Amino acid sequence: MKQSMFEIRENIPLTENVYRMKLRGDTSSITAPGQFVNIKLDGFFLRRPISVCDCEGDELTLIYKTVGGGTEKMSRMSEGELDILTGLGNGYDTSVSGERPLLIGGGVGVPPLYMLAKRLVAAGRRVSVILGFNTASEVFYQREFEELGTAVTVTTTDGSRGIKGFVTAAMGETGYTYFYTCGPEPMLRAVYKASTTDGQFSFEERMGCGFGACMGCSCKTVTGYKRICKDGPVLRKGEILWEQ
């Protein structure tokens, strides 16, 4: 973990309430796709955890949804600096993907899959991606994934773009050797039940400290409770015990 100041270079809307922020600073502690950062905002006691979408050189890309006062304040920032903790979380393990990995993202679970896709494509893998949203107006980053050379399928709950239904509606059409997923817990549960191979799940949890001190984001596993911020946010399929 490293605390650094980052300069805001860009902050633009991708949809009505989803924004992309590009920053410049010390990204040396960001080593794996699926890690996250924790952002300090003036006037708010707790930092805001945001998944890393991309990291190249000294440029950090974050995609976030405005869901409360903190992220709403972020959406209005066009310049200045942010105090950010980087290198948080374990991230995805790309060494076990096989030749045809499948990436499955729902809503704001999509961003961390972008850096993952870049790594897997660079390693010569044939990557397929399923992006799930509620409706066409919420779709973002389809073109960016396609430009990486991945095979992209979009699903929308109302059928206004791509396949009608949830992400699981498209899983059976892909011959995959391994999967990686990120999204809300109901989606993760559905992917768990529908999946036919091993895989990795990135959990979206409310976090207090962001580095394992407060135990506020624990998840039950076969080896006991794990802290999503410190021991995760990525857990392997075989270790997850879903709460009833």
Protein backbone atom coordinates (compact mmCIF):
# COMPACT_ATOMS: atom_id res chain seq x y z
CA MET A 1 0.00 0.00 0.00
CA LYS A 2 1.24 3.47 -0.85
CA GLN A 3 -0.21 6.94 -0.18
CA SER A 4 0.35 9.44 -2.99
CA MET A 5 -1.05 12.61 -4.49
CA PHE A 6 -2.53 12.23 -7.97
CA GLU A 7 -3.27 15.01 -10.45
CA ILE A 8 -6.70 14.92 -12.11
CA ARG A 9 -6.22 14.92 -15.89
CA GLU A 10 -9.75 14.04 -17.08
CA ASN A 11 -13.15 13.44 -15.53
CA ILE A 12 -15.93 12.82 -18.04
CA PRO A 13 -19.36 11.12 -18.05
CA LEU A 14 -19.70 7.80 -19.88
CA THR A 15 -23.41 7.45 -19.10
CA GLU A 16 -25.89 9.45 -17.06
CA ASN A 17 -24.26 8.48 -13.75
CA VAL A 18 -21.02 6.67 -14.64
CA TYR A 19 -17.81 8.68 -14.97
CA ARG A 20 -14.24 8.04 -16.09
CA MET A 21 -11.46 9.81 -14.23
CA LYS A 22 -7.87 9.79 -15.46
CA LEU A 23 -5.12 10.77 -13.03
CA ARG A 24 -1.36 11.08 -13.06
CA GLY A 25 0.87 9.99 -10.19
CA ASP A 26 2.89 7.18 -8.64
CA THR A 27 1.28 3.92 -9.77
CA SER A 28 4.20 1.66 -8.80
CA SER A 29 2.23 -0.24 -6.15
CA ILE A 30 -0.51 -1.24 -8.62
CA THR A 31 0.70 -4.62 -9.79
CA ALA A 32 -2.36 -6.74 -10.64
CA PRO A 33 -5.68 -6.23 -12.43
CA GLY A 34 -8.56 -6.22 -9.97
CA GLN A 35 -6.83 -4.14 -7.30
CA PHE A 36 -8.47 -0.96 -6.02
CA VAL A 37 -7.59 2.45 -4.65
CA ASN A 38 -9.02 4.41 -1.72
CA ILE A 39 -9.63 8.12 -2.29
CA LYS A 40 -9.72 10.82 0.37
CA LEU A 41 -12.33 13.53 -0.21
CA ASP A 42 -12.55 16.74 1.77
CA GLY A 43 -15.62 16.77 4.00
CA PHE A 44 -15.95 12.98 4.21
CA PHE A 45 -14.58 10.85 7.04
CA LEU A 46 -14.18 7.58 5.10
CA ARG A 47 -12.20 7.21 1.89
CA ARG A 48 -13.99 5.99 -1.27
CA PRO A 49 -12.81 2.61 -2.63
CA ILE A 50 -12.74 2.51 -6.46
CA SER A 51 -11.59 -0.37 -8.66
CA VAL A 52 -8.66 0.24 -10.99
CA CYS A 53 -9.84 0.20 -14.61
CA ASP A 54 -6.41 0.67 -16.17
CA CYS A 55 -2.88 1.58 -15.22
CA GLU A 56 -0.20 2.47 -17.76
CA GLY A 57 2.99 4.27 -16.85
CA ASP A 58 2.05 7.08 -14.47
CA GLU A 59 -1.57 7.25 -15.71
CA LEU A 60 -4.34 5.75 -13.60
CA THR A 61 -7.87 5.28 -14.99
CA LEU A 62 -10.86 4.91 -12.68
CA ILE A 63 -14.50 4.39 -13.61
CA TYR A 64 -17.07 5.04 -10.90
CA LYS A 65 -20.82 5.44 -10.45
CA THR A 66 -22.38 8.34 -8.55
CA VAL A 67 -24.24 6.62 -5.72
CA GLY A 68 -23.81 9.07 -2.84
CA GLY A 69 -22.37 12.38 -1.73
CA GLY A 70 -18.74 11.35 -2.11
CA THR A 71 -18.92 10.08 -5.67
CA GLU A 72 -21.23 12.94 -6.61
CA LYS A 73 -18.54 15.34 -5.40
CA MET A 74 -15.95 13.41 -7.43
CA SER A 75 -18.07 13.82 -10.56
CA ARG A 76 -17.76 17.62 -10.29
CA MET A 77 -13.95 17.64 -10.07
CA SER A 78 -12.20 18.80 -13.22
CA GLU A 79 -8.77 19.72 -11.84
CA GLY A 80 -6.64 19.58 -8.72
CA GLU A 81 -5.10 16.73 -6.76
CA LEU A 82 -6.43 13.76 -4.82
CA ASP A 83 -4.88 11.94 -1.86
CA ILE A 84 -5.07 8.25 -2.87
CA LEU A 85 -4.03 4.96 -1.27
CA THR A 86 -2.91 2.59 -4.04
CA GLY A 87 -1.99 -1.07 -4.29
CA LEU A 88 -4.95 -2.29 -2.24
CA GLY A 89 -6.39 -5.78 -2.63
CA ASN A 90 -4.96 -8.95 -4.12
CA GLY A 91 -6.22 -8.66 -7.71
CA TYR A 92 -6.80 -11.42 -10.25
CA ASP A 93 -4.37 -14.28 -10.85
CA THR A 94 -3.88 -14.47 -14.63
CA SER A 95 -1.58 -17.51 -14.58
CA VAL A 96 -4.46 -20.03 -14.38
CA SER A 97 -6.72 -18.78 -17.19
CA GLY A 98 -6.11 -21.46 -19.81
CA GLU A 99 -6.32 -20.57 -23.49
CA ARG A 100 -9.91 -19.23 -23.59
CA PRO A 101 -10.73 -17.19 -20.49
CA LEU A 102 -14.18 -15.64 -20.10
CA LEU A 103 -14.61 -12.27 -18.36
CA ILE A 104 -18.06 -11.48 -16.94
CA GLY A 105 -18.91 -8.02 -15.65
CA GLY A 106 -22.10 -6.41 -14.43
CA GLY A 107 -22.56 -2.63 -14.23
CA VAL A 108 -19.68 -1.01 -12.35
CA GLY A 109 -18.16 -4.50 -12.06
CA VAL A 110 -17.04 -4.00 -15.67
CA PRO A 111 -14.07 -1.58 -15.13
CA PRO A 112 -11.60 -3.91 -13.35
CA LEU A 113 -12.03 -6.44 -16.16
CA TYR A 114 -10.53 -4.02 -18.69
CA MET A 115 -6.98 -4.15 -17.31
CA LEU A 116 -7.43 -7.90 -16.86
CA ALA A 117 -8.41 -8.26 -20.53
CA LYS A 118 -5.33 -6.26 -21.57
CA ARG A 119 -3.05 -8.58 -19.59
CA LEU A 120 -4.65 -11.75 -20.94
CA VAL A 121 -4.62 -10.56 -24.57
CA ALA A 122 -0.96 -9.57 -24.21
CA ALA A 123 -0.26 -13.10 -22.96
CA GLY A 124 -1.78 -14.55 -26.14
CA ARG A 125 -5.09 -15.72 -24.67
CA ARG A 126 -8.32 -15.80 -26.70
CA VAL A 127 -10.47 -13.64 -24.46
CA SER A 128 -14.28 -13.47 -24.46
CA VAL A 129 -16.15 -10.82 -22.49
CA ILE A 130 -19.78 -10.60 -21.33
CA LEU A 131 -20.92 -7.14 -20.23
CA GLY A 132 -24.26 -6.97 -18.41
CA PHE A 133 -26.43 -3.90 -17.90
CA ASN A 134 -30.07 -3.06 -17.19
CA THR A 135 -30.71 -1.10 -20.39
CA ALA A 136 -28.93 0.25 -23.47
CA SER A 137 -28.38 3.74 -22.02
CA GLU A 138 -26.23 2.22 -19.26
CA VAL A 139 -23.80 0.39 -21.58
CA PHE A 140 -20.21 1.60 -21.48
CA TYR A 141 -16.77 0.34 -22.61
CA GLN A 142 -18.06 -2.11 -25.21
CA ARG A 143 -15.95 -0.45 -27.91
CA GLU A 144 -12.88 -0.28 -25.67
CA PHE A 145 -13.01 -4.03 -25.01
CA GLU A 146 -13.52 -4.74 -28.71
CA GLU A 147 -10.49 -2.61 -29.57
CA LEU A 148 -8.38 -4.89 -27.37
CA GLY A 149 -9.28 -7.77 -29.68
CA THR A 150 -11.69 -9.54 -27.34
CA ALA A 151 -15.01 -11.12 -28.39
CA VAL A 152 -17.64 -9.01 -26.64
CA THR A 153 -21.25 -9.93 -25.86
CA VAL A 154 -23.60 -7.40 -24.27
CA THR A 155 -26.68 -8.39 -22.29
CA THR A 156 -29.41 -6.05 -21.07
CA THR A 157 -32.21 -6.94 -18.71
CA ASP A 158 -34.81 -5.25 -20.91
CA GLY A 159 -33.38 -6.45 -24.23
CA SER A 160 -32.73 -2.95 -25.55
CA ARG A 161 -29.21 -3.97 -26.63
CA GLY A 162 -27.59 -7.32 -27.24
CA ILE A 163 -29.01 -10.44 -25.62
CA LYS A 164 -32.08 -10.00 -23.44
CA GLY A 165 -31.56 -11.19 -19.90
CA PHE A 166 -28.76 -11.47 -17.38
CA VAL A 167 -25.10 -12.30 -18.04
CA THR A 168 -25.81 -15.97 -17.43
CA ALA A 169 -27.97 -15.99 -20.58
CA ALA A 170 -24.78 -15.61 -22.64
CA MET A 171 -22.45 -17.92 -20.72
CA GLY A 172 -23.59 -21.10 -22.43
CA GLU A 173 -22.66 -19.71 -25.85
CA THR A 174 -18.98 -19.39 -24.94
CA GLY A 175 -16.55 -22.30 -24.81
CA TYR A 176 -14.34 -21.11 -21.97
CA THR A 177 -11.52 -22.73 -20.02
CA TYR A 178 -11.73 -20.44 -16.98
CA PHE A 179 -13.68 -17.37 -15.92
CA TYR A 180 -13.22 -14.11 -14.05
CA THR A 181 -16.16 -12.06 -12.82
CA CYS A 182 -17.02 -8.86 -10.97
CA GLY A 183 -20.39 -7.37 -10.14
CA PRO A 184 -23.17 -7.21 -7.56
CA GLU A 185 -23.60 -10.25 -5.32
CA PRO A 186 -26.84 -11.55 -6.93
CA MET A 187 -25.00 -11.67 -10.27
CA LEU A 188 -21.99 -13.40 -8.69
CA ARG A 189 -24.26 -16.04 -7.15
CA ALA A 190 -25.91 -16.65 -10.52
CA VAL A 191 -22.54 -16.95 -12.28
CA TYR A 192 -21.37 -19.38 -9.60
CA LYS A 193 -24.35 -21.66 -10.24
CA ALA A 194 -24.14 -21.40 -14.05
CA SER A 195 -20.38 -21.82 -14.40
CA THR A 196 -18.85 -25.07 -15.64
CA THR A 197 -15.18 -24.39 -14.81
CA ASP A 198 -13.14 -22.92 -11.99
CA GLY A 199 -12.94 -19.15 -11.73
CA GLN A 200 -12.32 -16.04 -9.66
CA PHE A 201 -14.89 -13.66 -8.15
CA SER A 202 -14.26 -10.03 -7.28
CA PHE A 203 -16.67 -8.84 -4.59
CA GLU A 204 -18.15 -5.38 -4.27
CA GLU A 205 -18.39 -4.64 -0.55
CA ARG A 206 -18.81 -1.55 1.60
CA MET A 207 -15.43 -0.86 3.18
CA GLY A 208 -14.36 1.17 6.19
CA CYS A 209 -10.58 1.31 6.26
CA GLY A 210 -9.78 -0.45 2.97
CA PHE A 211 -6.73 -2.33 4.29
CA GLY A 212 -8.02 -4.95 6.77
CA ALA A 213 -7.96 -3.14 10.10
CA CYS A 214 -11.68 -2.74 10.81
CA MET A 215 -13.02 -6.19 9.76
CA GLY A 216 -16.09 -4.46 8.35
CA CYS A 217 -16.12 -6.28 4.99
CA SER A 218 -15.69 -9.93 5.98
CA CYS A 219 -16.85 -12.83 3.79
CA LYS A 220 -17.37 -16.45 4.88
CA THR A 221 -15.09 -18.98 3.15
CA VAL A 222 -14.17 -22.64 3.60
CA THR A 223 -11.16 -21.58 5.70
CA GLY A 224 -13.04 -19.03 7.82
CA TYR A 225 -13.88 -15.38 7.36
CA LYS A 226 -11.77 -13.32 4.96
CA ARG A 227 -11.57 -9.55 4.67
CA ILE A 228 -12.64 -8.46 1.19
CA CYS A 229 -10.38 -5.40 1.27
CA LYS A 230 -7.25 -7.23 2.46
CA ASP A 231 -7.63 -10.94 1.57
CA GLY A 232 -9.71 -10.09 -1.50
CA PRO A 233 -11.50 -8.53 -3.24
CA VAL A 234 -10.83 -11.59 -5.43
CA LEU A 235 -11.76 -15.04 -4.12
CA ARG A 236 -11.54 -18.34 -5.98
CA LYS A 237 -14.71 -20.27 -6.73
CA GLY A 238 -13.77 -23.23 -4.54
CA GLU A 239 -13.32 -21.20 -1.36
CA ILE A 240 -16.60 -19.27 -1.37
CA LEU A 241 -19.42 -20.16 1.06
CA TRP A 242 -22.54 -18.24 0.18
CA GLU A 243 -24.56 -16.95 3.12
CA GLN A 244 -28.15 -18.20 3.05
